[in-house]
C-alpha atoms as a PDB file:
ATOM      1  CA  MET A   1       0.454  17.263  12.817  1.00  0.00           C
ATOM      2  CA  SER A   2       2.509  20.153  14.188  1.00  0.00           C
ATOM      3  CA  PHE A   3       4.010  20.804  17.612  1.00  0.00           C
ATOM      4  CA  ALA A   4       4.665  24.014  19.512  1.00  0.00           C
ATOM      5  CA  PRO A   5       8.302  25.172  19.441  1.00  0.00           C
ATOM      6  CA  GLU A   6       8.149  25.602  23.215  1.00  0.00           C
ATOM      7  CA  TRP A   7       7.306  21.915  23.704  1.00  0.00           C
ATOM      8  CA  LEU A   8      10.067  20.832  21.335  1.00  0.00           C
ATOM      9  CA  ALA A   9      12.585  23.009  23.175  1.00  0.00           C
ATOM     10  CA  LEU A  10      11.451  21.641  26.537  1.00  0.00           C
ATOM     11  CA  ARG A  11      11.984  18.021  25.486  1.00  0.00           C
ATOM     12  CA  GLU A  12      15.266  18.466  23.585  1.00  0.00           C
ATOM     13  CA  ARG A  13      17.572  17.615  26.489  1.00  0.00           C
ATOM     14  CA  ALA A  14      15.577  14.482  27.386  1.00  0.00           C
ATOM     15  CA  ASP A  15      15.558  13.421  23.747  1.00  0.00           C
ATOM     16  CA  ALA A  16      19.319  13.852  23.454  1.00  0.00           C
ATOM     17  CA  GLU A  17      19.992  11.876  26.639  1.00  0.00           C
ATOM     18  CA  ALA A  18      17.623   9.071  25.598  1.00  0.00           C
ATOM     19  CA  ARG A  19      18.788   8.297  22.052  1.00  0.00           C
ATOM     20  CA  ALA A  20      20.661   5.015  21.651  1.00  0.00           C
ATOM     21  CA  VAL A  21      24.216   6.100  20.855  1.00  0.00           C
ATOM     22  CA  ASP A  22      25.369   2.510  20.272  1.00  0.00           C
ATOM     23  CA  LEU A  23      23.471   2.564  16.959  1.00  0.00           C
ATOM     24  CA  LEU A  24      25.886   5.209  15.683  1.00  0.00           C
ATOM     25  CA  ASP A  25      28.888   2.894  15.274  1.00  0.00           C
ATOM     26  CA  PRO A  26      27.254   0.625  12.660  1.00  0.00           C
ATOM     27  CA  LEU A  27      25.733   3.693  11.033  1.00  0.00           C
ATOM     28  CA  ARG A  28      29.088   5.492  10.751  1.00  0.00           C
ATOM     29  CA  GLU A  29      30.677   2.315   9.369  1.00  0.00           C
ATOM     30  CA  THR A  30      27.997   2.125   6.673  1.00  0.00           C
ATOM     31  CA  LEU A  31      28.465   5.809   5.792  1.00  0.00           C
ATOM     32  CA  LEU A  32      32.256   5.581   5.685  1.00  0.00           C
ATOM     33  CA  ASN A  33      33.766   7.171   2.553  1.00  0.00           C
ATOM     34  CA  ARG A  34      30.455   8.761   1.565  1.00  0.00           C
ATOM     35  CA  THR A  35      31.268  12.439   1.342  1.00  0.00           C
ATOM     36  CA  PRO A  36      29.697  14.846   1.585  1.00  0.00           C
ATOM     37  CA  LEU A  37      26.806  13.199   3.415  1.00  0.00           C
ATOM     38  CA  VAL A  38      23.312  14.158   2.273  1.00  0.00           C
ATOM     39  CA  VAL A  39      20.979  13.716   5.268  1.00  0.00           C
ATOM     40  CA  ARG A  40      17.198  14.055   5.066  1.00  0.00           C
ATOM     41  CA  ASP A  41      15.528  14.824   8.398  1.00  0.00           C
ATOM     42  CA  LEU A  42      11.811  13.992   8.232  1.00  0.00           C
ATOM     43  CA  GLY A  43       9.554  15.964  10.555  1.00  0.00           C
ATOM     44  CA  CYS A  44      12.546  18.014  11.628  1.00  0.00           C
ATOM     45  CA  GLY A  45      10.669  20.288  14.032  1.00  0.00           C
ATOM     46  CA  THR A  46      13.095  22.932  15.252  1.00  0.00           C
ATOM     47  CA  GLY A  47      16.112  20.866  14.157  1.00  0.00           C
ATOM     48  CA  SER A  48      16.951  19.017  17.376  1.00  0.00           C
ATOM     49  CA  MET A  49      17.849  15.798  15.571  1.00  0.00           C
ATOM     50  CA  GLY A  50      20.331  17.649  13.390  1.00  0.00           C
ATOM     51  CA  ARG A  51      21.839  19.428  16.375  1.00  0.00           C
ATOM     52  CA  TRP A  52      22.319  16.059  18.079  1.00  0.00           C
ATOM     53  CA  LEU A  53      23.487  13.996  15.084  1.00  0.00           C
ATOM     54  CA  ALA A  54      25.533  16.256  12.789  1.00  0.00           C
ATOM     55  CA  GLY A  55      28.534  16.516  15.116  1.00  0.00           C
ATOM     56  CA  ARG A  56      28.416  12.784  15.832  1.00  0.00           C
ATOM     57  CA  LEU A  57      28.605  11.951  12.129  1.00  0.00           C
ATOM     58  CA  GLY A  58      31.420  14.393  11.374  1.00  0.00           C
ATOM     59  CA  GLY A  59      32.745  15.542   8.011  1.00  0.00           C
ATOM     60  CA  PRO A  60      31.000  17.696   5.407  1.00  0.00           C
ATOM     61  CA  GLN A  61      27.218  17.318   5.408  1.00  0.00           C
ATOM     62  CA  HIS A  62      24.209  18.731   3.582  1.00  0.00           C
ATOM     63  CA  TRP A  63      20.974  18.468   5.558  1.00  0.00           C
ATOM     64  CA  VAL A  64      17.570  18.571   3.856  1.00  0.00           C
ATOM     65  CA  LEU A  65      14.990  19.420   6.511  1.00  0.00           C
ATOM     66  CA  HIS A  66      11.409  18.284   5.861  1.00  0.00           C
ATOM     67  CA  ASP A  67       8.343  19.433   7.804  1.00  0.00           C
ATOM     68  CA  LEU A  68       4.744  20.472   7.266  1.00  0.00           C
ATOM     69  CA  ASP A  69       5.073  23.553   9.485  1.00  0.00           C
ATOM     70  CA  PRO A  70       6.848  26.541   7.877  1.00  0.00           C
ATOM     71  CA  ARG A  71       7.409  28.149  11.297  1.00  0.00           C
ATOM     72  CA  LEU A  72       9.368  25.134  12.496  1.00  0.00           C
ATOM     73  CA  LEU A  73      11.296  24.908   9.240  1.00  0.00           C
ATOM     74  CA  GLU A  74      12.439  28.502   9.634  1.00  0.00           C
ATOM     75  CA  LEU A  75      13.651  27.840  13.174  1.00  0.00           C
ATOM     76  CA  ALA A  76      15.365  24.595  12.164  1.00  0.00           C
ATOM     77  CA  GLY A  77      17.121  26.122   9.176  1.00  0.00           C
ATOM     78  CA  ALA A  78      18.448  28.985  11.275  1.00  0.00           C
ATOM     79  CA  SER A  79      19.713  26.713  14.059  1.00  0.00           C
ATOM     80  CA  MET A  80      21.547  24.125  11.956  1.00  0.00           C
ATOM     81  CA  THR A  81      24.940  25.753  11.747  1.00  0.00           C
ATOM     82  CA  GLY A  82      28.405  24.343  12.039  1.00  0.00           C
ATOM     83  CA  ALA A  83      31.640  23.807  10.186  1.00  0.00           C
ATOM     84  CA  GLY A  84      31.034  21.829   7.034  1.00  0.00           C
ATOM     85  CA  VAL A  85      27.234  21.742   7.433  1.00  0.00           C
ATOM     86  CA  THR A  86      24.855  23.241   4.877  1.00  0.00           C
ATOM     87  CA  VAL A  87      21.061  23.245   5.081  1.00  0.00           C
ATOM     88  CA  GLU A  88      17.979  23.525   2.923  1.00  0.00           C
ATOM     89  CA  THR A  89      14.324  23.227   3.934  1.00  0.00           C
ATOM     90  CA  ARG A  90      11.397  21.468   2.263  1.00  0.00           C
ATOM     91  CA  GLU A  91       7.773  22.022   3.239  1.00  0.00           C
ATOM     92  CA  GLY A  92       5.395  19.180   2.397  1.00  0.00           C
ATOM     93  CA  ASP A  93       3.596  15.957   3.273  1.00  0.00           C
ATOM     94  CA  LEU A  94       6.057  13.440   4.696  1.00  0.00           C
ATOM     95  CA  THR A  95       3.778  10.512   3.869  1.00  0.00           C
ATOM     96  CA  ALA A  96       4.075  11.349   0.158  1.00  0.00           C
ATOM     97  CA  LEU A  97       7.846  10.762  -0.167  1.00  0.00           C
ATOM     98  CA  ARG A  98       8.872   8.417  -2.972  1.00  0.00           C
ATOM     99  CA  ALA A  99      12.139   6.784  -4.003  1.00  0.00           C
ATOM    100  CA  ASP A 100      12.699   9.492  -6.621  1.00  0.00           C
ATOM    101  CA  ASP A 101      12.672  12.100  -3.849  1.00  0.00           C
ATOM    102  CA  LEU A 102      15.578  10.345  -2.113  1.00  0.00           C
ATOM    103  CA  VAL A 103      17.982  10.029  -5.036  1.00  0.00           C
ATOM    104  CA  GLY A 104      21.472  10.973  -3.839  1.00  0.00           C
ATOM    105  CA  THR A 105      20.510  10.670  -0.161  1.00  0.00           C
ATOM    106  CA  SER A 106      23.105   9.176   2.207  1.00  0.00           C
ATOM    107  CA  LEU A 107      20.862   8.892   5.278  1.00  0.00           C
ATOM    108  CA  VAL A 108      17.197   9.331   6.172  1.00  0.00           C
ATOM    109  CA  THR A 109      16.524  10.210   9.784  1.00  0.00           C
ATOM    110  CA  ALA A 110      13.673  11.310  12.012  1.00  0.00           C
ATOM    111  CA  SER A 111      12.792  11.672  15.671  1.00  0.00           C
ATOM    112  CA  ALA A 112       9.426  10.943  17.336  1.00  0.00           C
ATOM    113  CA  LEU A 113       7.745  10.485  13.963  1.00  0.00           C
ATOM    114  CA  LEU A 114       6.926   6.850  13.171  1.00  0.00           C
ATOM    115  CA  ASP A 115       4.050   6.601  15.656  1.00  0.00           C
ATOM    116  CA  LEU A 116       2.214   9.331  13.698  1.00  0.00           C
ATOM    117  CA  PHE A 117       2.180   7.182  10.533  1.00  0.00           C
ATOM    118  CA  THR A 118      -0.252   4.491   9.424  1.00  0.00           C
ATOM    119  CA  SER A 119       0.782   0.961   8.537  1.00  0.00           C
ATOM    120  CA  GLU A 120       0.384   1.713   4.821  1.00  0.00           C
ATOM    121  CA  GLU A 121       2.472   4.893   5.126  1.00  0.00           C
ATOM    122  CA  VAL A 122       5.287   3.051   6.906  1.00  0.00           C
ATOM    123  CA  ASP A 123       5.248   0.434   4.147  1.00  0.00           C
ATOM    124  CA  ARG A 124       5.558   3.148   1.494  1.00  0.00           C
ATOM    125  CA  LEU A 125       8.339   4.878   3.417  1.00  0.00           C
ATOM    126  CA  ALA A 126      10.307   1.645   3.745  1.00  0.00           C
ATOM    127  CA  ARG A 127       9.995   1.003   0.011  1.00  0.00           C
ATOM    128  CA  ALA A 128      11.055   4.585  -0.772  1.00  0.00           C
ATOM    129  CA  CYS A 129      14.124   4.195   1.465  1.00  0.00           C
ATOM    130  CA  ALA A 130      15.214   0.858  -0.008  1.00  0.00           C
ATOM    131  CA  GLY A 131      19.011   0.923  -0.262  1.00  0.00           C
ATOM    132  CA  VAL A 132      19.355   4.028   1.950  1.00  0.00           C
ATOM    133  CA  PRO A 133      20.415   3.841   5.634  1.00  0.00           C
ATOM    134  CA  VAL A 134      17.673   4.956   8.018  1.00  0.00           C
ATOM    135  CA  LEU A 135      17.824   6.088  11.667  1.00  0.00           C
ATOM    136  CA  PHE A 136      14.491   6.716  13.399  1.00  0.00           C
ATOM    137  CA  THR A 137      14.665   7.609  17.092  1.00  0.00           C
ATOM    138  CA  LEU A 138      12.237   7.988  19.985  1.00  0.00           C
ATOM    139  CA  SER A 139       9.191   6.130  18.695  1.00  0.00           C
ATOM    140  CA  VAL A 140       6.553   5.697  21.413  1.00  0.00           C
ATOM    141  CA  ALA A 141       6.717   2.207  22.935  1.00  0.00           C
ATOM    142  CA  GLY A 142       3.448   2.311  24.898  1.00  0.00           C
ATOM    143  CA  ARG A 143       4.909   1.727  28.344  1.00  0.00           C
ATOM    144  CA  VAL A 144       5.373   4.146  31.218  1.00  0.00           C
ATOM    145  CA  GLU A 145       6.774   3.453  34.686  1.00  0.00           C
ATOM    146  CA  LEU A 146       5.809   5.924  37.409  1.00  0.00           C
ATOM    147  CA  ASP A 147       7.286   6.053  40.897  1.00  0.00           C
ATOM    148  CA  PRO A 148       5.490   6.151  43.265  1.00  0.00           C
ATOM    149  CA  ALA A 149       3.033   3.881  41.463  1.00  0.00           C
ATOM    150  CA  GLU A 150      -0.757   4.160  41.640  1.00  0.00           C
ATOM    151  CA  SER A 151      -3.505   1.759  40.635  1.00  0.00           C
ATOM    152  CA  LEU A 152      -4.816   4.312  38.114  1.00  0.00           C
ATOM    153  CA  ASP A 153      -1.522   4.425  36.216  1.00  0.00           C
ATOM    154  CA  VAL A 154      -2.412   1.424  34.061  1.00  0.00           C
ATOM    155  CA  GLU A 155      -5.842   2.846  33.197  1.00  0.00           C
ATOM    156  CA  PHE A 156      -4.344   6.131  32.011  1.00  0.00           C
ATOM    157  CA  GLN A 157      -1.591   4.284  30.129  1.00  0.00           C
ATOM    158  CA  ASP A 158      -4.086   2.036  28.318  1.00  0.00           C
ATOM    159  CA  ALA A 159      -6.300   4.992  27.400  1.00  0.00           C
ATOM    160  CA  PHE A 160      -3.288   6.992  26.170  1.00  0.00           C
ATOM    161  CA  ASN A 161      -2.134   4.084  24.002  1.00  0.00           C
ATOM    162  CA  ALA A 162      -5.601   3.757  22.520  1.00  0.00           C
ATOM    163  CA  HIS A 163      -5.545   7.498  21.779  1.00  0.00           C
ATOM    164  CA  GLN A 164      -2.208   7.051  19.979  1.00  0.00           C
ATOM    165  CA  ARG A 165      -3.909   4.450  17.753  1.00  0.00           C
ATOM    166  CA  ARG A 166      -6.818   6.757  16.926  1.00  0.00           C
ATOM    167  CA  VAL A 167      -8.225   7.486  13.472  1.00  0.00           C
ATOM    168  CA  VAL A 168      -7.337  10.963  12.163  1.00  0.00           C
ATOM    169  CA  ASP A 169      -8.911  12.084   8.876  1.00  0.00           C
ATOM    170  CA  GLY A 170      -9.490   8.457   7.943  1.00  0.00           C
ATOM    171  CA  ARG A 171      -5.932   7.417   8.891  1.00  0.00           C
ATOM    172  CA  ARG A 172      -5.442   4.807  11.640  1.00  0.00           C
ATOM    173  CA  LEU A 173      -2.251   5.876  13.437  1.00  0.00           C
ATOM    174  CA  LEU A 174       0.178   3.192  14.543  1.00  0.00           C
ATOM    175  CA  GLY A 175       1.092   4.737  17.889  1.00  0.00           C
ATOM    176  CA  PRO A 176       2.972   2.184  20.024  1.00  0.00           C
ATOM    177  CA  ASP A 177       2.722  -0.417  17.233  1.00  0.00           C
ATOM    178  CA  ALA A 178       4.901   1.694  14.935  1.00  0.00           C
ATOM    179  CA  VAL A 179       8.268   0.058  15.586  1.00  0.00           C
ATOM    180  CA  THR A 180       6.932  -3.474  15.108  1.00  0.00           C
ATOM    181  CA  ALA A 181       5.348  -2.402  11.819  1.00  0.00           C
ATOM    182  CA  ALA A 182       8.489  -0.555  10.726  1.00  0.00           C
ATOM    183  CA  VAL A 183      10.818  -3.477  11.471  1.00  0.00           C
ATOM    184  CA  ALA A 184       8.668  -5.755   9.310  1.00  0.00           C
ATOM    185  CA  ALA A 185       8.384  -3.162   6.525  1.00  0.00           C
ATOM    186  CA  PHE A 186      12.116  -2.419   6.329  1.00  0.00           C
ATOM    187  CA  GLU A 187      13.010  -6.105   6.451  1.00  0.00           C
ATOM    188  CA  ARG A 188      10.611  -6.739   3.561  1.00  0.00           C
ATOM    189  CA  SER A 189      12.457  -3.986   1.680  1.00  0.00           C
ATOM    190  CA  GLY A 190      15.747  -5.820   2.132  1.00  0.00           C
ATOM    191  CA  ALA A 191      17.226  -3.973   5.121  1.00  0.00           C
ATOM    192  CA  GLU A 192      18.964  -5.283   8.200  1.00  0.00           C
ATOM    193  CA  VAL A 193      17.154  -3.757  11.171  1.00  0.00           C
ATOM    194  CA  ILE A 194      18.490  -3.104  14.675  1.00  0.00           C
ATOM    195  CA  THR A 195      16.384  -1.661  17.513  1.00  0.00           C
ATOM    196  CA  ARG A 196      17.400  -0.307  20.886  1.00  0.00           C
ATOM    197  CA  PRO A 197      15.462   1.124  23.854  1.00  0.00           C
ATOM    198  CA  SER A 198      15.643   4.899  24.256  1.00  0.00           C
ATOM    199  CA  PRO A 199      13.669   5.803  27.375  1.00  0.00           C
ATOM    200  CA  TRP A 200      13.120   9.242  28.789  1.00  0.00           C
ATOM    201  CA  ARG A 201      14.108   9.276  32.470  1.00  0.00           C
ATOM    202  CA  LEU A 202      12.249  12.147  34.065  1.00  0.00           C
ATOM    203  CA  GLY A 203      12.274  13.407  37.601  1.00  0.00           C
ATOM    204  CA  PRO A 204      12.378  16.460  39.861  1.00  0.00           C
ATOM    205  CA  ASP A 205      15.497  17.757  38.080  1.00  0.00           C
ATOM    206  CA  GLN A 206      13.336  18.169  34.958  1.00  0.00           C
ATOM    207  CA  ALA A 207      10.166  19.267  36.717  1.00  0.00           C
ATOM    208  CA  ALA A 208       8.928  21.493  33.876  1.00  0.00           C
ATOM    209  CA  LEU A 209       9.162  18.694  31.303  1.00  0.00           C
ATOM    210  CA  THR A 210       7.817  16.070  33.709  1.00  0.00           C
ATOM    211  CA  GLY A 211       4.782  18.241  34.469  1.00  0.00           C
ATOM    212  CA  GLU A 212       4.106  19.175  30.853  1.00  0.00           C
ATOM    213  CA  TRP A 213       4.480  15.570  29.702  1.00  0.00           C
ATOM    214  CA  LEU A 214       2.172  14.299  32.469  1.00  0.00           C
ATOM    215  CA  ARG A 215      -0.538  16.861  31.683  1.00  0.00           C
ATOM    216  CA  GLY A 216      -0.444  15.951  28.009  1.00  0.00           C
ATOM    217  CA  TRP A 217      -0.430  12.218  28.767  1.00  0.00           C
ATOM    218  CA  VAL A 218      -3.474  12.536  31.026  1.00  0.00           C
ATOM    219  CA  ALA A 219      -5.316  14.865  28.622  1.00  0.00           C
ATOM    220  CA  ALA A 220      -4.870  12.426  25.729  1.00  0.00           C
ATOM    221  CA  ALA A 221      -6.073   9.545  27.906  1.00  0.00           C
ATOM    222  CA  VAL A 222      -9.184  11.479  28.938  1.00  0.00           C
ATOM    223  CA  GLU A 223      -9.861  12.506  25.335  1.00  0.00           C
ATOM    224  CA  HIS A 224     -10.025   8.848  24.388  1.00  0.00           C
ATOM    225  CA  GLU A 225     -11.711   7.615  27.573  1.00  0.00           C
ATOM    226  CA  PRO A 226     -14.024  10.345  28.953  1.00  0.00           C
ATOM    227  CA  GLY A 227     -14.845   8.100  31.897  1.00  0.00           C
ATOM    228  CA  LEU A 228     -11.464   9.048  33.355  1.00  0.00           C
ATOM    229  CA  ALA A 229     -12.357  12.748  33.432  1.00  0.00           C
ATOM    230  CA  ASP A 230     -13.668  12.662  37.010  1.00  0.00           C
ATOM    231  CA  GLU A 231     -10.467  11.033  38.260  1.00  0.00           C
ATOM    232  CA  ALA A 232      -8.036  13.161  36.248  1.00  0.00           C
ATOM    233  CA  PRO A 233      -7.858  16.428  38.292  1.00  0.00           C
ATOM    234  CA  ALA A 234      -7.122  14.714  41.619  1.00  0.00           C
ATOM    235  CA  TYR A 235      -4.763  12.251  39.927  1.00  0.00           C
ATOM    236  CA  LEU A 236      -2.795  15.102  38.384  1.00  0.00           C
ATOM    237  CA  ARG A 237      -2.630  17.018  41.679  1.00  0.00           C
ATOM    238  CA  ARG A 238      -1.295  13.979  43.537  1.00  0.00           C
ATOM    239  CA  ARG A 239       1.283  13.318  40.854  1.00  0.00           C
ATOM    240  CA  LEU A 240       2.452  16.907  40.475  1.00  0.00           C
ATOM    241  CA  ASP A 241       2.666  17.407  44.248  1.00  0.00           C
ATOM    242  CA  ALA A 242       4.830  14.305  44.691  1.00  0.00           C
ATOM    243  CA  ASP A 243       8.503  13.835  43.841  1.00  0.00           C
ATOM    244  CA  LEU A 244       7.417  11.882  40.788  1.00  0.00           C
ATOM    245  CA  THR A 245       9.877  10.057  38.575  1.00  0.00           C
ATOM    246  CA  ALA A 246       8.853   8.636  35.222  1.00  0.00           C
ATOM    247  CA  VAL A 247      10.434   6.295  32.714  1.00  0.00           C
ATOM    248  CA  VAL A 248       8.727   6.894  29.378  1.00  0.00           C
ATOM    249  CA  HIS A 249       9.752   4.109  27.050  1.00  0.00           C
ATOM    250  CA  HIS A 250      10.693   4.710  23.410  1.00  0.00           C
ATOM    251  CA  THR A 251      12.522   2.682  20.782  1.00  0.00           C
ATOM    252  CA  ASP A 252      15.215   3.677  18.260  1.00  0.00           C
ATOM    253  CA  LEU A 253      15.460   1.886  14.921  1.00  0.00           C
ATOM    254  CA  LEU A 254      18.392   1.604  12.515  1.00  0.00           C
ATOM    255  CA  ALA A 255      17.804   0.058   9.091  1.00  0.00           C
ATOM    256  CA  LEU A 256      20.868  -0.629   6.952  1.00  0.00           C
ATOM    257  CA  PRO A 257      21.056  -1.991   3.417  1.00  0.00           C
ATOM    258  CA  ARG A 258      22.179  -5.612   3.431  1.00  0.00           C
ATOM    259  CA  ALA A 259      25.607  -6.247   1.983  1.00  0.00           C
ATOM    260  CA  ALA A 260      25.478  -7.689  -1.523  1.00  0.00           C
END
């Protein structure tokens, strides 16, 4: 699955403000004295995770950017610049990574990716990453709080969550169940797992993102539950005409190898 660069650019500020920075202290402690760091960014998009994380890790780093979309890889590779940071790009299927692909890796990271995997793919990823620190941010949590609230909010939320769990080319996506599945998978692989909430907090000051997110949220809900189609246009108008605020819940996950 690929995403438009315009959408990724629109959400970058909200992503950066939402990520759980308190996970970085235990991560930095684990990475201490590993130099240079070799960081693999899975589903890198335009490189927003690298732009957010590289400076917070510090020191010399080599980033390996993985994505299926060559357009996004080109943008990401060009944008990841900074003192002591080098970059290479890899185009390919992220679900096919194996332990051999991660030899020499200091950290595996990703943003808004886990919910696009299946349970079996998360299991394979956890096994491939055994012994390697992992930071996955902004996985969909399946809960949205809208203010002012409406009775239809829950119906659209439930339909959206069901859409996130849809079957694509024979693959049952995890959607909002991804973090629960990932915690279990990484713990089975011997990791210590920490999770933290990382909600988007949207409002009139981010009207473009709030509107684009809401349209996509409603469209996905209607795609799964066509019975909502008659309600959707008026619902959207009411929401977009109001001073709507939204808390879109996500979860960040840090998996660290257990001390021997």
